[in-house]
Amino acid sequence: MKKQNESIKEKIITFIKSKSFVIYCFIICAALYFISMAGQNYKSEYTSFSDEYSTEHKENSKITVYVTGEVLNPGLYQVDLNSRASAAIEAAGGMTEKADAEGVNIAKILKDGDQVKVPAIKSSNYKSTSYSKKSTLKSASKSSSSAAKKSSAKTASSPTPVTETADTEAAPEPEQTLISLNCGNAAQYMRVSGVTAEIAANIIDYINTYGGFDSVDELQFVKGIDISLYNKIKDFFTV
């Protein structure tokens, strides 16, 4: 047994001293080196792929929308996916002083290619204001007409002679044909001194918008007709 053990030890020592041992060590070291390099390359490729995926994901999470109307800086803007209209309006600098905040749904969730339009406040309020004035005028006209009828009934029994004054001279002559506001046209309106082509067009727009005039007094609500011009032209029209 001792001889066998000594023989094995001698063989091991002889093998270690031989060139084969050096070659085996070199092969093992080389294998370990390549395994290590392969691991680093895999890690680098994984990191690169992760960065590319992250960048692509960020790009895909943006949408482009068109913001127009009463905002400070209308134009195209990129916002996050599933953003609301309020984010797009904020990106455009916010609403102007003329903006009608109730005229746009700022809670709407946007999608790519959407348009966010902020309307002007005067466009929505002008009509309601004019209607209010028109209603007030009708009530005033009815009250005035009712009072005039009562007054006429009281004074019918004792008529008084009409004295010619400067006011009666300024009124249309008896043979002057009054122009119908609701049935006339631009050319007829412009026969009256002070009524320009623009004002005639505004009268037609008023008729188209509100369905016509209920009284001549409504002329003062037509764009371009102030109180001075109204007093000058009112006696030349009828409804």
C-alpha atoms as a PDB file:
ATOM      1  CA  MET A   1       0.000   0.000   0.000  1.00  0.00           C
ATOM      2  CA  LYS A   2       2.758   2.417   0.909  1.00  0.00           C
ATOM      3  CA  LYS A   3       4.494   1.707  -2.353  1.00  0.00           C
ATOM      4  CA  GLN A   4       1.279   2.332  -4.297  1.00  0.00           C
ATOM      5  CA  ASN A   5       0.698   5.675  -2.530  1.00  0.00           C
ATOM      6  CA  GLU A   6       4.246   6.745  -3.151  1.00  0.00           C
ATOM      7  CA  SER A   7       3.868   5.759  -6.780  1.00  0.00           C
ATOM      8  CA  ILE A   8       0.698   7.915  -7.150  1.00  0.00           C
ATOM      9  CA  LYS A   9       2.397  10.897  -5.527  1.00  0.00           C
ATOM     10  CA  GLU A  10       5.357  10.553  -7.849  1.00  0.00           C
ATOM     11  CA  LYS A  11       3.012  10.476 -10.871  1.00  0.00           C
ATOM     12  CA  ILE A  12       1.181  13.620  -9.685  1.00  0.00           C
ATOM     13  CA  ILE A  13       4.434  15.460  -9.121  1.00  0.00           C
ATOM     14  CA  THR A  14       5.716  14.370 -12.499  1.00  0.00           C
ATOM     15  CA  PHE A  15       2.431  15.544 -14.165  1.00  0.00           C
ATOM     16  CA  ILE A  16       2.572  18.960 -12.475  1.00  0.00           C
ATOM     17  CA  LYS A  17       6.149  19.428 -13.654  1.00  0.00           C
ATOM     18  CA  SER A  18       5.216  18.427 -17.205  1.00  0.00           C
ATOM     19  CA  LYS A  19       4.064  20.845 -19.976  1.00  0.00           C
ATOM     20  CA  SER A  20       0.596  19.311 -20.074  1.00  0.00           C
ATOM     21  CA  PHE A  21      -0.279  20.823 -16.705  1.00  0.00           C
ATOM     22  CA  VAL A  22       0.602  24.294 -17.925  1.00  0.00           C
ATOM     23  CA  ILE A  23      -1.573  23.812 -21.017  1.00  0.00           C
ATOM     24  CA  TYR A  24      -4.546  22.640 -18.939  1.00  0.00           C
ATOM     25  CA  CYS A  25      -4.228  25.655 -16.643  1.00  0.00           C
ATOM     26  CA  PHE A  26      -4.114  27.984 -19.630  1.00  0.00           C
ATOM     27  CA  ILE A  27      -7.224  26.406 -21.122  1.00  0.00           C
ATOM     28  CA  ILE A  28      -9.132  26.716 -17.840  1.00  0.00           C
ATOM     29  CA  CYS A  29      -8.119  30.386 -17.409  1.00  0.00           C
ATOM     30  CA  ALA A  30      -9.089  31.165 -20.987  1.00  0.00           C
ATOM     31  CA  ALA A  31     -12.474  29.509 -20.494  1.00  0.00           C
ATOM     32  CA  LEU A  32     -13.113  31.512 -17.333  1.00  0.00           C
ATOM     33  CA  TYR A  33     -12.125  34.740 -19.135  1.00  0.00           C
ATOM     34  CA  PHE A  34     -14.488  34.163 -22.036  1.00  0.00           C
ATOM     35  CA  ILE A  35     -17.318  33.270 -19.681  1.00  0.00           C
ATOM     36  CA  SER A  36     -16.745  36.535 -17.817  1.00  0.00           C
ATOM     37  CA  MET A  37     -16.666  38.572 -21.059  1.00  0.00           C
ATOM     38  CA  ALA A  38     -19.849  36.942 -22.282  1.00  0.00           C
ATOM     39  CA  GLY A  39     -21.590  37.937 -19.064  1.00  0.00           C
ATOM     40  CA  GLN A  40     -20.491  41.554 -19.437  1.00  0.00           C
ATOM     41  CA  ASN A  41     -21.642  41.699 -23.072  1.00  0.00           C
ATOM     42  CA  TYR A  42     -25.023  40.291 -22.095  1.00  0.00           C
ATOM     43  CA  LYS A  43     -25.367  42.870 -19.356  1.00  0.00           C
ATOM     44  CA  SER A  44     -24.406  45.690 -21.773  1.00  0.00           C
ATOM     45  CA  GLU A  45     -26.872  44.500 -24.408  1.00  0.00           C
ATOM     46  CA  TYR A  46     -29.623  44.228 -21.809  1.00  0.00           C
ATOM     47  CA  THR A  47     -28.942  47.756 -20.549  1.00  0.00           C
ATOM     48  CA  SER A  48     -28.954  49.133 -24.118  1.00  0.00           C
ATOM     49  CA  PHE A  49     -32.231  47.371 -24.911  1.00  0.00           C
ATOM     50  CA  SER A  50     -33.754  48.660 -21.691  1.00  0.00           C
ATOM     51  CA  ASP A  51     -32.745  52.250 -22.525  1.00  0.00           C
ATOM     52  CA  GLU A  52     -34.128  51.981 -26.054  1.00  0.00           C
ATOM     53  CA  TYR A  53     -37.385  50.548 -24.763  1.00  0.00           C
ATOM     54  CA  SER A  54     -37.675  53.305 -22.161  1.00  0.00           C
ATOM     55  CA  THR A  55     -37.048  56.032 -24.768  1.00  0.00           C
ATOM     56  CA  GLU A  56     -39.541  54.512 -27.207  1.00  0.00           C
ATOM     57  CA  HIS A  57     -42.107  54.127 -24.432  1.00  0.00           C
ATOM     58  CA  LYS A  58     -41.741  57.791 -23.488  1.00  0.00           C
ATOM     59  CA  GLU A  59     -42.168  58.886 -27.108  1.00  0.00           C
ATOM     60  CA  ASN A  60     -45.290  56.757 -27.486  1.00  0.00           C
ATOM     61  CA  SER A  61     -46.762  58.238 -24.304  1.00  0.00           C
ATOM     62  CA  LYS A  62     -47.015  61.717 -25.909  1.00  0.00           C
ATOM     63  CA  ILE A  63     -49.846  62.977 -28.149  1.00  0.00           C
ATOM     64  CA  THR A  64     -50.096  66.080 -30.335  1.00  0.00           C
ATOM     65  CA  VAL A  65     -53.146  68.348 -30.082  1.00  0.00           C
ATOM     66  CA  TYR A  66     -54.176  71.670 -31.673  1.00  0.00           C
ATOM     67  CA  VAL A  67     -55.116  74.451 -29.251  1.00  0.00           C
ATOM     68  CA  THR A  68     -56.925  77.435 -30.792  1.00  0.00           C
ATOM     69  CA  GLY A  69     -59.361  80.215 -29.969  1.00  0.00           C
ATOM     70  CA  GLU A  70     -59.012  82.517 -26.971  1.00  0.00           C
ATOM     71  CA  VAL A  71     -55.659  81.283 -25.634  1.00  0.00           C
ATOM     72  CA  LEU A  72     -52.436  83.258 -25.317  1.00  0.00           C
ATOM     73  CA  ASN A  73     -50.374  81.127 -27.717  1.00  0.00           C
ATOM     74  CA  PRO A  74     -52.500  79.068 -30.143  1.00  0.00           C
ATOM     75  CA  GLY A  75     -50.770  76.202 -31.938  1.00  0.00           C
ATOM     76  CA  LEU A  76     -49.699  72.549 -31.838  1.00  0.00           C
ATOM     77  CA  TYR A  77     -48.643  71.111 -28.479  1.00  0.00           C
ATOM     78  CA  GLN A  78     -47.469  67.748 -27.165  1.00  0.00           C
ATOM     79  CA  VAL A  79     -49.051  66.549 -23.943  1.00  0.00           C
ATOM     80  CA  ASP A  80     -49.002  63.270 -22.048  1.00  0.00           C
ATOM     81  CA  LEU A  81     -51.244  60.438 -23.152  1.00  0.00           C
ATOM     82  CA  ASN A  82     -54.697  60.591 -21.490  1.00  0.00           C
ATOM     83  CA  SER A  83     -54.200  64.264 -20.578  1.00  0.00           C
ATOM     84  CA  ARG A  84     -57.266  66.468 -20.151  1.00  0.00           C
ATOM     85  CA  ALA A  85     -58.082  69.575 -22.164  1.00  0.00           C
ATOM     86  CA  SER A  86     -57.009  71.762 -19.251  1.00  0.00           C
ATOM     87  CA  ALA A  87     -53.400  70.544 -19.683  1.00  0.00           C
ATOM     88  CA  ALA A  88     -53.402  71.531 -23.359  1.00  0.00           C
ATOM     89  CA  ILE A  89     -54.842  74.976 -22.571  1.00  0.00           C
ATOM     90  CA  GLU A  90     -52.204  75.476 -19.889  1.00  0.00           C
ATOM     91  CA  ALA A  91     -49.491  74.473 -22.385  1.00  0.00           C
ATOM     92  CA  ALA A  92     -50.814  77.188 -24.720  1.00  0.00           C
ATOM     93  CA  GLY A  93     -50.339  79.842 -22.037  1.00  0.00           C
ATOM     94  CA  GLY A  94     -53.837  79.744 -20.569  1.00  0.00           C
ATOM     95  CA  MET A  95     -57.051  81.542 -21.541  1.00  0.00           C
ATOM     96  CA  THR A  96     -57.295  85.212 -22.496  1.00  0.00           C
ATOM     97  CA  GLU A  97     -59.545  87.734 -20.764  1.00  0.00           C
ATOM     98  CA  LYS A  98     -62.107  87.335 -23.558  1.00  0.00           C
ATOM     99  CA  ALA A  99     -62.314  83.547 -23.160  1.00  0.00           C
ATOM    100  CA  ASP A 100     -65.590  81.879 -22.222  1.00  0.00           C
ATOM    101  CA  ALA A 101     -64.390  79.323 -19.663  1.00  0.00           C
ATOM    102  CA  GLU A 102     -67.793  77.620 -19.603  1.00  0.00           C
ATOM    103  CA  GLY A 103     -67.754  77.180 -23.372  1.00  0.00           C
ATOM    104  CA  VAL A 104     -65.085  74.445 -23.356  1.00  0.00           C
ATOM    105  CA  ASN A 105     -65.000  71.121 -21.513  1.00  0.00           C
ATOM    106  CA  ILE A 106     -61.639  71.289 -19.726  1.00  0.00           C
ATOM    107  CA  ALA A 107     -62.192  67.822 -18.212  1.00  0.00           C
ATOM    108  CA  LYS A 108     -62.259  66.104 -21.618  1.00  0.00           C
ATOM    109  CA  ILE A 109     -59.620  63.359 -22.036  1.00  0.00           C
ATOM    110  CA  LEU A 110     -57.663  64.045 -25.221  1.00  0.00           C
ATOM    111  CA  LYS A 111     -56.426  61.721 -27.941  1.00  0.00           C
ATOM    112  CA  ASP A 112     -53.829  62.298 -30.644  1.00  0.00           C
ATOM    113  CA  GLY A 113     -54.965  64.837 -33.250  1.00  0.00           C
ATOM    114  CA  ASP A 114     -57.713  66.432 -31.134  1.00  0.00           C
ATOM    115  CA  GLN A 115     -58.525  70.157 -31.337  1.00  0.00           C
ATOM    116  CA  VAL A 116     -59.198  72.206 -28.212  1.00  0.00           C
ATOM    117  CA  LYS A 117     -61.043  75.421 -29.110  1.00  0.00           C
ATOM    118  CA  VAL A 118     -61.731  78.087 -26.480  1.00  0.00           C
ATOM    119  CA  PRO A 119     -64.613  80.387 -27.565  1.00  0.00           C
ATOM    120  CA  ALA A 120     -64.826  84.123 -26.905  1.00  0.00           C
ATOM    121  CA  ILE A 121     -67.118  85.207 -24.084  1.00  0.00           C
ATOM    122  CA  LYS A 122     -68.785  88.054 -25.984  1.00  0.00           C
ATOM    123  CA  SER A 123     -69.987  85.749 -28.735  1.00  0.00           C
ATOM    124  CA  SER A 124     -72.051  83.768 -26.227  1.00  0.00           C
ATOM    125  CA  ASN A 125     -73.238  86.707 -24.132  1.00  0.00           C
ATOM    126  CA  TYR A 126     -74.050  89.199 -26.875  1.00  0.00           C
ATOM    127  CA  LYS A 127     -77.171  87.388 -27.972  1.00  0.00           C
ATOM    128  CA  SER A 128     -78.556  86.930 -24.447  1.00  0.00           C
ATOM    129  CA  THR A 129     -77.825  90.585 -23.642  1.00  0.00           C
ATOM    130  CA  SER A 130     -79.581  91.755 -26.778  1.00  0.00           C
ATOM    131  CA  TYR A 131     -82.550  89.532 -26.015  1.00  0.00           C
ATOM    132  CA  SER A 132     -82.721  91.020 -22.524  1.00  0.00           C
ATOM    133  CA  LYS A 133     -82.642  94.547 -23.910  1.00  0.00           C
ATOM    134  CA  LYS A 134     -85.233  93.618 -26.495  1.00  0.00           C
ATOM    135  CA  SER A 135     -87.545  92.144 -23.840  1.00  0.00           C
ATOM    136  CA  THR A 136     -87.128  95.237 -21.648  1.00  0.00           C
ATOM    137  CA  LEU A 137     -87.856  97.466 -24.604  1.00  0.00           C
ATOM    138  CA  LYS A 138     -91.008  95.531 -25.448  1.00  0.00           C
ATOM    139  CA  SER A 139     -92.280  95.935 -21.890  1.00  0.00           C
ATOM    140  CA  ALA A 140     -91.476  99.638 -21.948  1.00  0.00           C
ATOM    141  CA  SER A 141     -93.162 100.045 -25.326  1.00  0.00           C
ATOM    142  CA  LYS A 142     -96.295  98.281 -24.104  1.00  0.00           C
ATOM    143  CA  SER A 143     -96.432 100.465 -20.977  1.00  0.00           C
ATOM    144  CA  SER A 144     -95.879 103.602 -23.058  1.00  0.00           C
ATOM    145  CA  SER A 145     -98.533 102.537 -25.557  1.00  0.00           C
ATOM    146  CA  SER A 146    -101.019 101.787 -22.773  1.00  0.00           C
ATOM    147  CA  ALA A 147    -100.358 105.160 -21.127  1.00  0.00           C
ATOM    148  CA  ALA A 148    -100.714 106.914 -24.469  1.00  0.00           C
ATOM    149  CA  LYS A 149    -104.108 105.276 -25.098  1.00  0.00           C
ATOM    150  CA  LYS A 150    -105.385 106.345 -21.654  1.00  0.00           C
ATOM    151  CA  SER A 151    -104.134 109.860 -22.217  1.00  0.00           C
ATOM    152  CA  SER A 152    -105.770 110.025 -25.644  1.00  0.00           C
ATOM    153  CA  ALA A 153    -109.088 108.841 -24.191  1.00  0.00           C
ATOM    154  CA  LYS A 154    -109.009 111.592 -21.564  1.00  0.00           C
ATOM    155  CA  THR A 155    -108.174 114.381 -24.008  1.00  0.00           C
ATOM    156  CA  ALA A 156    -110.426 113.205 -26.862  1.00  0.00           C
ATOM    157  CA  SER A 157    -113.323 115.343 -25.611  1.00  0.00           C
ATOM    158  CA  SER A 158    -111.271 118.545 -25.605  1.00  0.00           C
ATOM    159  CA  PRO A 159    -108.870 118.585 -28.573  1.00  0.00           C
ATOM    160  CA  THR A 160    -106.333 121.353 -28.715  1.00  0.00           C
ATOM    161  CA  PRO A 161    -104.872 122.941 -31.835  1.00  0.00           C
ATOM    162  CA  VAL A 162    -101.430 121.784 -32.892  1.00  0.00           C
ATOM    163  CA  THR A 163     -98.835 124.533 -32.890  1.00  0.00           C
ATOM    164  CA  GLU A 164     -96.026 124.221 -35.443  1.00  0.00           C
ATOM    165  CA  THR A 165     -92.638 124.161 -33.728  1.00  0.00           C
ATOM    166  CA  ALA A 166     -89.057 123.343 -34.579  1.00  0.00           C
ATOM    167  CA  ASP A 167     -89.680 119.706 -33.574  1.00  0.00           C
ATOM    168  CA  THR A 168     -92.583 119.310 -36.016  1.00  0.00           C
ATOM    169  CA  GLU A 169     -90.463 120.816 -38.753  1.00  0.00           C
ATOM    170  CA  ALA A 170     -87.772 118.176 -38.171  1.00  0.00           C
ATOM    171  CA  ALA A 171     -90.294 115.323 -38.571  1.00  0.00           C
ATOM    172  CA  PRO A 172     -90.872 113.761 -41.998  1.00  0.00           C
ATOM    173  CA  GLU A 173     -93.232 115.550 -44.339  1.00  0.00           C
ATOM    174  CA  PRO A 174     -96.767 114.102 -44.518  1.00  0.00           C
ATOM    175  CA  GLU A 175     -96.153 112.772 -48.016  1.00  0.00           C
ATOM    176  CA  GLN A 176     -92.900 111.054 -46.926  1.00  0.00           C
ATOM    177  CA  THR A 177     -93.307 107.281 -47.244  1.00  0.00           C
ATOM    178  CA  LEU A 178     -92.037 105.480 -44.166  1.00  0.00           C
ATOM    179  CA  ILE A 179     -89.636 102.593 -44.765  1.00  0.00           C
ATOM    180  CA  SER A 180     -90.606  99.233 -43.321  1.00  0.00           C
ATOM    181  CA  LEU A 181     -87.777  97.808 -41.213  1.00  0.00           C
ATOM    182  CA  ASN A 182     -88.959  94.219 -41.591  1.00  0.00           C
ATOM    183  CA  CYS A 183     -89.852  94.369 -45.299  1.00  0.00           C
ATOM    184  CA  GLY A 184     -87.266  96.832 -46.589  1.00  0.00           C
ATOM    185  CA  ASN A 185     -83.864  96.208 -48.119  1.00  0.00           C
ATOM    186  CA  ALA A 186     -80.427  97.749 -47.811  1.00  0.00           C
ATOM    187  CA  ALA A 187     -80.995 100.207 -50.662  1.00  0.00           C
ATOM    188  CA  GLN A 188     -84.205 101.492 -49.035  1.00  0.00           C
ATOM    189  CA  TYR A 189     -82.549 101.835 -45.636  1.00  0.00           C
ATOM    190  CA  MET A 190     -79.714 103.870 -47.158  1.00  0.00           C
ATOM    191  CA  ARG A 191     -82.179 106.462 -48.492  1.00  0.00           C
ATOM    192  CA  VAL A 192     -82.318 107.820 -44.955  1.00  0.00           C
ATOM    193  CA  SER A 193     -79.519 110.277 -44.235  1.00  0.00           C
ATOM    194  CA  GLY A 194     -76.987 108.796 -41.814  1.00  0.00           C
ATOM    195  CA  VAL A 195     -77.643 105.137 -42.696  1.00  0.00           C
ATOM    196  CA  THR A 196     -74.487 103.795 -44.336  1.00  0.00           C
ATOM    197  CA  ALA A 197     -74.057 100.513 -46.187  1.00  0.00           C
ATOM    198  CA  GLU A 198     -72.533  99.008 -43.055  1.00  0.00           C
ATOM    199  CA  ILE A 199     -75.443 100.058 -40.840  1.00  0.00           C
ATOM    200  CA  ALA A 200     -77.915  98.771 -43.443  1.00  0.00           C
ATOM    201  CA  ALA A 201     -76.136  95.408 -43.355  1.00  0.00           C
ATOM    202  CA  ASN A 202     -76.285  95.423 -39.534  1.00  0.00           C
ATOM    203  CA  ILE A 203     -80.057  96.052 -39.679  1.00  0.00           C
ATOM    204  CA  ILE A 204     -80.448  93.003 -41.924  1.00  0.00           C
ATOM    205  CA  ASP A 205     -78.262  90.937 -39.571  1.00  0.00           C
ATOM    206  CA  TYR A 206     -80.467  91.974 -36.643  1.00  0.00           C
ATOM    207  CA  ILE A 207     -83.571  90.827 -38.540  1.00  0.00           C
ATOM    208  CA  ASN A 208     -81.973  87.485 -39.399  1.00  0.00           C
ATOM    209  CA  THR A 209     -80.837  86.966 -35.800  1.00  0.00           C
ATOM    210  CA  TYR A 210     -83.983  87.972 -33.903  1.00  0.00           C
ATOM    211  CA  GLY A 211     -86.698  87.417 -36.472  1.00  0.00           C
ATOM    212  CA  GLY A 212     -87.432  91.080 -37.136  1.00  0.00           C
ATOM    213  CA  PHE A 213     -88.298  94.295 -35.295  1.00  0.00           C
ATOM    214  CA  ASP A 214     -91.260  94.590 -32.942  1.00  0.00           C
ATOM    215  CA  SER A 215     -90.903  98.360 -32.785  1.00  0.00           C
ATOM    216  CA  VAL A 216     -88.795 101.132 -34.285  1.00  0.00           C
ATOM    217  CA  ASP A 217     -87.245 101.657 -30.850  1.00  0.00           C
ATOM    218  CA  GLU A 218     -85.202  98.481 -31.364  1.00  0.00           C
ATOM    219  CA  LEU A 219     -83.066 100.343 -33.904  1.00  0.00           C
ATOM    220  CA  GLN A 220     -80.953 101.606 -31.020  1.00  0.00           C
ATOM    221  CA  PHE A 221     -79.807  98.037 -30.395  1.00  0.00           C
ATOM    222  CA  VAL A 222     -78.428  97.650 -33.920  1.00  0.00           C
ATOM    223  CA  LYS A 223     -74.633  97.751 -34.078  1.00  0.00           C
ATOM    224  CA  GLY A 224     -73.381 101.150 -35.231  1.00  0.00           C
ATOM    225  CA  ILE A 225     -76.511 103.108 -34.278  1.00  0.00           C
ATOM    226  CA  ASP A 226     -75.923 105.306 -31.240  1.00  0.00           C
ATOM    227  CA  ILE A 227     -78.562 107.426 -29.492  1.00  0.00           C
ATOM    228  CA  SER A 228     -77.776 110.481 -31.601  1.00  0.00           C
ATOM    229  CA  LEU A 229     -78.203 108.661 -34.927  1.00  0.00           C
ATOM    230  CA  TYR A 230     -81.249 106.835 -33.605  1.00  0.00           C
ATOM    231  CA  ASN A 231     -83.038 110.101 -32.780  1.00  0.00           C
ATOM    232  CA  LYS A 232     -82.167 111.385 -36.239  1.00  0.00           C
ATOM    233  CA  ILE A 233     -83.500 108.446 -38.263  1.00  0.00           C
ATOM    234  CA  LYS A 234     -86.249 106.866 -36.145  1.00  0.00           C
ATOM    235  CA  ASP A 235     -89.071 108.941 -37.652  1.00  0.00           C
ATOM    236  CA  PHE A 236     -88.295 107.655 -41.149  1.00  0.00           C
ATOM    237  CA  PHE A 237     -88.990 103.989 -40.310  1.00  0.00           C
ATOM    238  CA  THR A 238     -91.938 101.826 -39.369  1.00  0.00           C
ATOM    239  CA  VAL A 239     -92.525  98.132 -38.610  1.00  0.00           C
END
